[in-house]
Amino acid sequence: MNLYDAVERNCFFTLTRKIIGNVLFLISPAVLLCLFVVYYMAGMQQQTLPAEARVLLDEMLLVIWGLWVLQYLLRCFRSFYAPPLSSSD
């Protein structure tokens, strides 16, 4: 537990830092996936493709970017928005 305590004391000693650390941890898989897809699609664009295939590839890349931005915004919204607890009065 010494390593955990040292990291906790030195890096995450405030609530704001803990929240930011958790949010970054939750969003990082989506960011890595997006970077992988964009890297893969960019590699495909470098190949010599027929014009029709290049148009379809560009449209697919645009859709992927749009979906990624949408899910990123939804994750950010969900991370910072906590609905009020319903009272059972």
C-alpha atoms as a PDB file:
ATOM      1  CA  MET A   1       0.000   0.000   0.000  1.00  0.00           C
ATOM      2  CA  ASN A   2       2.979   2.325   0.215  1.00  0.00           C
ATOM      3  CA  LEU A   3       3.014   2.941  -3.536  1.00  0.00           C
ATOM      4  CA  TYR A   4      -0.721   3.659  -3.575  1.00  0.00           C
ATOM      5  CA  ASP A   5      -0.421   6.025  -0.616  1.00  0.00           C
ATOM      6  CA  ALA A   6       2.520   7.854  -2.211  1.00  0.00           C
ATOM      7  CA  VAL A   7       0.668   8.341  -5.496  1.00  0.00           C
ATOM      8  CA  GLU A   8      -2.481   9.397  -3.635  1.00  0.00           C
ATOM      9  CA  ARG A   9      -0.625  11.956  -1.523  1.00  0.00           C
ATOM     10  CA  ASN A  10       1.481  13.387  -4.353  1.00  0.00           C
ATOM     11  CA  CYS A  11      -0.921  13.409  -7.305  1.00  0.00           C
ATOM     12  CA  PHE A  12      -4.545  13.109  -6.227  1.00  0.00           C
ATOM     13  CA  PHE A  13      -4.743  14.969  -2.936  1.00  0.00           C
ATOM     14  CA  THR A  14      -7.741  17.098  -3.967  1.00  0.00           C
ATOM     15  CA  LEU A  15     -11.206  16.087  -5.072  1.00  0.00           C
ATOM     16  CA  THR A  16     -10.823  17.973  -8.355  1.00  0.00           C
ATOM     17  CA  ARG A  17      -7.707  16.012  -9.265  1.00  0.00           C
ATOM     18  CA  LYS A  18      -9.432  12.743  -8.401  1.00  0.00           C
ATOM     19  CA  ILE A  19     -12.419  13.593 -10.583  1.00  0.00           C
ATOM     20  CA  ILE A  20     -10.241  14.672 -13.511  1.00  0.00           C
ATOM     21  CA  GLY A  21      -8.129  11.527 -13.163  1.00  0.00           C
ATOM     22  CA  ASN A  22     -11.213   9.312 -13.189  1.00  0.00           C
ATOM     23  CA  VAL A  23     -12.735  11.088 -16.176  1.00  0.00           C
ATOM     24  CA  LEU A  24      -9.491  10.837 -18.161  1.00  0.00           C
ATOM     25  CA  PHE A  25      -9.265   7.150 -17.277  1.00  0.00           C
ATOM     26  CA  LEU A  26     -12.815   6.554 -18.519  1.00  0.00           C
ATOM     27  CA  ILE A  27     -12.401   8.552 -21.737  1.00  0.00           C
ATOM     28  CA  SER A  28      -8.950   7.244 -22.697  1.00  0.00           C
ATOM     29  CA  PRO A  29     -10.150   3.949 -24.308  1.00  0.00           C
ATOM     30  CA  ALA A  30     -12.425   5.878 -26.677  1.00  0.00           C
ATOM     31  CA  VAL A  31      -9.613   8.251 -27.601  1.00  0.00           C
ATOM     32  CA  LEU A  32      -7.202   5.375 -28.244  1.00  0.00           C
ATOM     33  CA  LEU A  33      -9.784   3.555 -30.358  1.00  0.00           C
ATOM     34  CA  CYS A  34     -10.438   6.671 -32.411  1.00  0.00           C
ATOM     35  CA  LEU A  35      -6.729   7.245 -32.981  1.00  0.00           C
ATOM     36  CA  PHE A  36      -6.311   3.628 -34.079  1.00  0.00           C
ATOM     37  CA  VAL A  37      -9.212   3.844 -36.526  1.00  0.00           C
ATOM     38  CA  VAL A  38      -8.016   7.147 -37.976  1.00  0.00           C
ATOM     39  CA  TYR A  39      -4.480   5.773 -38.341  1.00  0.00           C
ATOM     40  CA  TYR A  40      -5.825   2.668 -40.085  1.00  0.00           C
ATOM     41  CA  MET A  41      -8.099   4.671 -42.386  1.00  0.00           C
ATOM     42  CA  ALA A  42      -5.319   7.115 -43.233  1.00  0.00           C
ATOM     43  CA  GLY A  43      -3.122   4.164 -44.172  1.00  0.00           C
ATOM     44  CA  MET A  44      -5.851   2.888 -46.455  1.00  0.00           C
ATOM     45  CA  GLN A  45      -6.112   6.309 -48.100  1.00  0.00           C
ATOM     46  CA  GLN A  46      -2.424   6.186 -49.004  1.00  0.00           C
ATOM     47  CA  GLN A  47      -2.978   3.078 -51.103  1.00  0.00           C
ATOM     48  CA  THR A  48      -3.857   3.427 -54.750  1.00  0.00           C
ATOM     49  CA  LEU A  49      -7.611   2.941 -54.881  1.00  0.00           C
ATOM     50  CA  PRO A  50     -10.193   3.537 -57.586  1.00  0.00           C
ATOM     51  CA  ALA A  51     -12.006   6.864 -57.379  1.00  0.00           C
ATOM     52  CA  GLU A  52     -15.267   5.265 -56.193  1.00  0.00           C
ATOM     53  CA  ALA A  53     -13.511   3.440 -53.368  1.00  0.00           C
ATOM     54  CA  ARG A  54     -11.705   6.626 -52.329  1.00  0.00           C
ATOM     55  CA  VAL A  55     -15.035   8.503 -52.149  1.00  0.00           C
ATOM     56  CA  LEU A  56     -16.548   5.726 -50.010  1.00  0.00           C
ATOM     57  CA  LEU A  57     -13.476   5.705 -47.780  1.00  0.00           C
ATOM     58  CA  ASP A  58     -13.710   9.465 -47.273  1.00  0.00           C
ATOM     59  CA  GLU A  59     -17.398   9.153 -46.385  1.00  0.00           C
ATOM     60  CA  MET A  60     -16.667   6.350 -43.925  1.00  0.00           C
ATOM     61  CA  LEU A  61     -13.954   8.425 -42.287  1.00  0.00           C
ATOM     62  CA  LEU A  62     -16.356  11.362 -41.955  1.00  0.00           C
ATOM     63  CA  VAL A  63     -18.994   9.132 -40.344  1.00  0.00           C
ATOM     64  CA  ILE A  64     -16.430   7.663 -37.951  1.00  0.00           C
ATOM     65  CA  TRP A  65     -15.278  11.140 -36.939  1.00  0.00           C
ATOM     66  CA  GLY A  66     -18.875  12.243 -36.419  1.00  0.00           C
ATOM     67  CA  LEU A  67     -19.703   9.225 -34.270  1.00  0.00           C
ATOM     68  CA  TRP A  68     -16.524   9.656 -32.271  1.00  0.00           C
ATOM     69  CA  VAL A  69     -17.269  13.321 -31.574  1.00  0.00           C
ATOM     70  CA  LEU A  70     -20.839  12.452 -30.587  1.00  0.00           C
ATOM     71  CA  GLN A  71     -19.827   9.700 -28.199  1.00  0.00           C
ATOM     72  CA  TYR A  72     -17.029  11.862 -26.763  1.00  0.00           C
ATOM     73  CA  LEU A  73     -19.499  14.665 -26.034  1.00  0.00           C
ATOM     74  CA  LEU A  74     -21.941  12.193 -24.499  1.00  0.00           C
ATOM     75  CA  ARG A  75     -19.229  10.720 -22.288  1.00  0.00           C
ATOM     76  CA  CYS A  76     -18.124  14.167 -21.145  1.00  0.00           C
ATOM     77  CA  PHE A  77     -21.738  15.124 -20.415  1.00  0.00           C
ATOM     78  CA  ARG A  78     -22.335  11.898 -18.509  1.00  0.00           C
ATOM     79  CA  SER A  79     -19.091  12.262 -16.560  1.00  0.00           C
ATOM     80  CA  PHE A  80     -19.927  15.717 -15.263  1.00  0.00           C
ATOM     81  CA  TYR A  81     -23.704  15.411 -14.948  1.00  0.00           C
ATOM     82  CA  ALA A  82     -24.988  13.466 -12.028  1.00  0.00           C
ATOM     83  CA  PRO A  83     -28.776  13.321 -11.895  1.00  0.00           C
ATOM     84  CA  PRO A  84     -30.300  14.154  -8.521  1.00  0.00           C
ATOM     85  CA  LEU A  85     -31.191  11.189  -6.391  1.00  0.00           C
ATOM     86  CA  SER A  86     -34.907  10.594  -6.269  1.00  0.00           C
ATOM     87  CA  SER A  87     -36.332  10.946  -2.821  1.00  0.00           C
ATOM     88  CA  SER A  88     -38.553   8.178  -1.572  1.00  0.00           C
ATOM     89  CA  ASP A  89     -40.787  10.414   0.540  1.00  0.00           C
END
